[in-house]
Amino acid sequence: MKLCVFQGTFNPIHKVHLEVAKFARQYYGFDSILFIPAYIPPHKHLDKSLAMHRLNMVKLAVSNYKFFNVSDIEYKHESNSYTYNTIVELYKRYDIDGKINFIIGTDAFKNIKSWYKSDLLKDLVHFIVFKRTNHFNETDFDYLRDEGYDFEFSPMNYIDVSSTKLRESVHNKTSIKDMEIKPIMEYIKKNGLYR
C-alpha cells in the first residue's frame, strides 16, 4: 500500500485540509490518505475535552471520500501524540510500499528537529511539505536534506486559511464560507464548540 499520513490537530478540520489531501492523493497517486487527529499535540496547548470532538469532526468531514480514512490511534493512547511512535505502529499495522508519506506544512517542518525522536523519524517517512506562506525560500530547508531528512515541496499553491481563523469566526458569530464544511459547522453549533 502506498500510504500517506495527514496528522494534525484539525481544530477544527476545514475545506483546505480536504483540498490538500485531495491534491496529495491525485498528484502522488497514493492508495490512501490516513487522517490522524492528535490527542494531545506536544507543541500546542489544547483543551483535552475537544479531542473526541476533533476526531468526530474529521470522521464526518471525510466520510464521503473513498480514498480517505481516519485513525483513532493517537486518541486511544490518551497521552501526548508523538509522531515517531505513531509511525512505528503504522508500519506494524499496514503492508507499506516503500516509506510512509507524511503531509506537513512549512511552518511545522521548520521545527522538525525539535520533534520527539526526530533523528529516527527522518529515516521512516518521506515528508511532503505544503506551503503555509508565500514568503519563504526552499533553499532555507537545504540543511535538513543535508542532515538526512527525506522531503519534497508540494507544487500546490498556498491558500491563506487556518483553523485559528475558523475558530475566531465561530466565536465572533461570523462566517468564512470558503473554509467551512457544512456538516462540521452544524456539529460545532450543536455541541457549542469554540464559543
Protein backbone atom coordinates (compact mmCIF):
# COMPACT_ATOMS: atom_id res chain seq x y z
CA MET A 1 0.00 0.00 0.00
CA LYS A 2 1.22 3.47 -0.92
CA LEU A 3 0.16 5.28 2.24
CA CYS A 4 0.15 8.97 3.08
CA VAL A 5 -0.45 10.18 6.62
CA PHE A 6 -2.12 13.51 7.37
CA GLN A 7 -1.63 14.13 11.06
CA GLY A 8 -2.74 17.26 12.86
CA THR A 9 -4.93 18.84 15.49
CA PHE A 10 -7.76 19.55 12.99
CA ASN A 11 -9.19 22.06 15.45
CA PRO A 12 -11.48 22.10 13.51
CA ILE A 13 -10.99 20.45 10.14
CA HIS A 14 -11.82 22.75 7.21
CA LYS A 15 -12.03 22.74 3.41
CA VAL A 16 -8.34 23.41 2.82
CA HIS A 17 -7.40 20.30 4.79
CA LEU A 18 -9.55 18.36 2.33
CA GLU A 19 -8.09 20.20 -0.66
CA VAL A 20 -4.54 19.37 0.49
CA ALA A 21 -5.48 15.70 0.94
CA LYS A 22 -7.22 15.54 -2.47
CA PHE A 23 -4.24 17.16 -4.16
CA ALA A 24 -1.79 14.77 -2.48
CA ARG A 25 -3.87 11.72 -3.36
CA GLN A 26 -4.24 12.71 -7.04
CA TYR A 27 -0.80 14.20 -7.66
CA TYR A 28 1.22 11.45 -5.98
CA GLY A 29 -1.15 8.55 -6.63
CA PHE A 30 -1.49 7.37 -3.04
CA ASP A 31 -3.73 4.39 -2.30
CA SER A 32 -4.95 6.03 0.89
CA ILE A 33 -4.74 9.27 2.85
CA LEU A 34 -4.90 8.43 6.54
CA PHE A 35 -6.08 11.30 8.74
CA ILE A 36 -4.77 11.07 12.30
CA PRO A 37 -6.12 13.66 14.73
CA ALA A 38 -3.63 14.22 17.55
CA TYR A 39 -4.93 13.58 21.07
CA ILE A 40 -2.52 15.97 22.80
CA PRO A 41 -0.03 17.59 20.39
CA PRO A 42 3.25 18.16 22.27
CA HIS A 43 3.88 21.56 20.67
CA LYS A 44 0.43 23.03 21.31
CA HIS A 45 -1.72 23.76 24.34
CA LEU A 46 -5.08 22.18 23.59
CA ASP A 47 -8.21 21.52 25.62
CA LYS A 48 -8.36 17.73 26.20
CA SER A 49 -12.15 17.85 26.16
CA LEU A 50 -12.01 18.73 22.45
CA ALA A 51 -10.13 15.54 21.48
CA MET A 52 -13.23 13.44 20.92
CA HIS A 53 -14.95 16.27 19.05
CA ARG A 54 -11.95 16.81 16.78
CA LEU A 55 -11.88 13.09 15.96
CA ASN A 56 -15.63 13.04 15.30
CA MET A 57 -15.41 16.08 13.03
CA VAL A 58 -12.62 14.54 10.93
CA LYS A 59 -14.65 11.33 10.54
CA LEU A 60 -17.64 13.39 9.49
CA ALA A 61 -15.64 15.51 7.02
CA VAL A 62 -14.03 12.60 5.15
CA SER A 63 -16.95 10.15 5.23
CA ASN A 64 -17.80 10.63 1.53
CA TYR A 65 -14.24 10.27 0.22
CA LYS A 66 -13.34 6.79 -1.00
CA PHE A 67 -9.58 7.10 -0.52
CA PHE A 68 -9.66 8.94 2.82
CA ASN A 69 -9.59 7.09 6.13
CA VAL A 70 -9.38 8.16 9.77
CA SER A 71 -7.32 6.55 12.53
CA ASP A 72 -8.00 6.92 16.26
CA ILE A 73 -4.55 5.51 17.08
CA GLU A 74 -3.48 8.65 18.94
CA TYR A 75 -6.87 9.24 20.56
CA LYS A 76 -6.79 5.75 22.08
CA HIS A 77 -3.40 6.38 23.71
CA GLU A 78 -4.85 9.32 25.66
CA SER A 79 -1.42 10.87 26.10
CA ASN A 80 0.99 13.11 24.20
CA SER A 81 0.82 12.31 20.48
CA TYR A 82 4.34 11.62 19.31
CA THR A 83 4.60 11.15 15.55
CA TYR A 84 7.54 8.75 15.84
CA ASN A 85 5.52 6.31 17.98
CA THR A 86 2.54 6.55 15.64
CA ILE A 87 4.62 5.88 12.52
CA VAL A 88 6.32 2.86 14.10
CA GLU A 89 2.89 1.46 14.96
CA LEU A 90 1.57 2.07 11.43
CA TYR A 91 4.41 0.04 9.93
CA LYS A 92 3.23 -2.86 12.10
CA ARG A 93 -0.39 -2.47 11.02
CA TYR A 94 -0.05 -1.93 7.28
CA ASP A 95 1.82 -3.52 4.38
CA ILE A 96 3.61 -0.37 3.21
CA ASP A 97 5.18 0.12 -0.22
CA GLY A 98 8.44 1.98 0.42
CA LYS A 99 8.19 4.66 3.10
CA ILE A 100 5.12 6.14 4.71
CA ASN A 101 4.50 9.57 3.18
CA PHE A 102 3.74 12.39 5.60
CA ILE A 103 1.94 15.67 4.84
CA ILE A 104 3.37 18.62 6.75
CA GLY A 105 3.26 22.40 6.44
CA THR A 106 6.35 24.57 6.11
CA ASP A 107 5.58 26.12 9.50
CA ALA A 108 5.80 22.76 11.28
CA PHE A 109 8.60 21.37 9.13
CA LYS A 110 10.95 24.21 10.02
CA ASN A 111 10.79 22.94 13.62
CA ILE A 112 11.05 19.23 12.77
CA LYS A 113 14.34 18.77 14.60
CA SER A 114 12.59 19.60 17.89
CA TRP A 115 10.13 16.71 17.45
CA TYR A 116 10.39 13.62 19.64
CA LYS A 117 12.97 11.18 18.21
CA SER A 118 13.20 13.27 15.04
CA ASP A 119 16.59 11.69 14.28
CA LEU A 120 14.84 8.31 14.00
CA LEU A 121 11.63 9.59 12.41
CA LYS A 122 13.56 11.05 9.47
CA ASP A 123 14.51 7.53 8.34
CA LEU A 124 10.91 6.28 8.46
CA VAL A 125 8.95 8.82 6.41
CA HIS A 126 9.03 10.85 3.23
CA PHE A 127 7.81 14.35 4.06
CA ILE A 128 5.58 16.15 1.58
CA VAL A 129 5.89 19.79 2.53
CA PHE A 130 2.99 22.15 1.76
CA LYS A 131 3.46 25.92 1.73
CA ARG A 132 1.93 27.79 4.68
CA THR A 133 3.12 31.16 3.43
CA ASN A 134 4.07 32.77 0.14
CA HIS A 135 7.17 34.27 1.74
CA PHE A 136 9.72 31.51 2.12
CA ASN A 137 12.72 30.18 0.27
CA GLU A 138 13.00 26.45 -0.39
CA THR A 139 16.77 26.67 -0.01
CA ASP A 140 16.24 27.60 3.66
CA PHE A 141 15.42 23.93 4.20
CA ASP A 142 18.52 22.53 2.45
CA TYR A 143 20.26 21.93 5.77
CA LEU A 144 17.56 19.39 6.67
CA ARG A 145 18.27 17.44 3.48
CA ASP A 146 21.97 17.56 4.37
CA GLU A 147 21.07 16.03 7.73
CA GLY A 148 19.20 13.14 6.13
CA TYR A 149 15.59 14.31 6.06
CA ASP A 150 13.74 12.92 3.05
CA PHE A 151 11.33 15.54 1.70
CA GLU A 152 9.92 17.38 -1.27
CA PHE A 153 7.84 20.51 -1.65
CA SER A 154 4.33 20.09 -2.98
CA PRO A 155 3.54 22.25 -6.03
CA MET A 156 0.09 23.07 -4.64
CA ASN A 157 -0.46 26.81 -4.37
CA TYR A 158 -0.62 28.37 -0.91
CA ILE A 159 -4.10 29.17 0.39
CA ASP A 160 -4.30 31.63 3.29
CA VAL A 161 -6.65 29.88 5.71
CA SER A 162 -6.27 28.30 9.13
CA SER A 163 -8.24 26.57 11.86
CA THR A 164 -7.47 29.57 14.08
CA LYS A 165 -9.35 31.88 11.71
CA LEU A 166 -12.28 29.46 11.60
CA ARG A 167 -12.44 29.23 15.41
CA GLU A 168 -12.36 33.03 15.62
CA SER A 169 -15.21 33.29 13.11
CA VAL A 170 -17.31 30.87 15.19
CA HIS A 171 -16.54 32.81 18.36
CA ASN A 172 -17.41 36.12 16.67
CA LYS A 173 -20.51 34.62 15.02
CA THR A 174 -19.26 35.46 11.54
CA SER A 175 -18.74 33.19 8.55
CA ILE A 176 -15.88 32.21 6.26
CA LYS A 177 -17.76 30.34 3.52
CA ASP A 178 -14.71 29.25 1.51
CA MET A 179 -13.31 27.43 4.55
CA GLU A 180 -16.38 25.91 6.10
CA ILE A 181 -17.62 22.33 5.70
CA LYS A 182 -21.37 22.46 6.32
CA PRO A 183 -21.72 19.27 8.44
CA ILE A 184 -18.76 20.40 10.56
CA MET A 185 -20.30 23.81 11.19
CA GLU A 186 -23.54 22.09 12.18
CA TYR A 187 -21.60 19.81 14.54
CA ILE A 188 -19.81 22.79 16.09
CA LYS A 189 -23.12 24.60 16.63
CA LYS A 190 -24.88 21.53 18.03
CA ASN A 191 -22.08 20.89 20.54
CA GLY A 192 -21.45 24.52 21.44
CA LEU A 193 -17.77 24.46 20.48
CA TYR A 194 -15.38 27.44 20.24
CA ARG A 195 -17.73 29.95 21.84
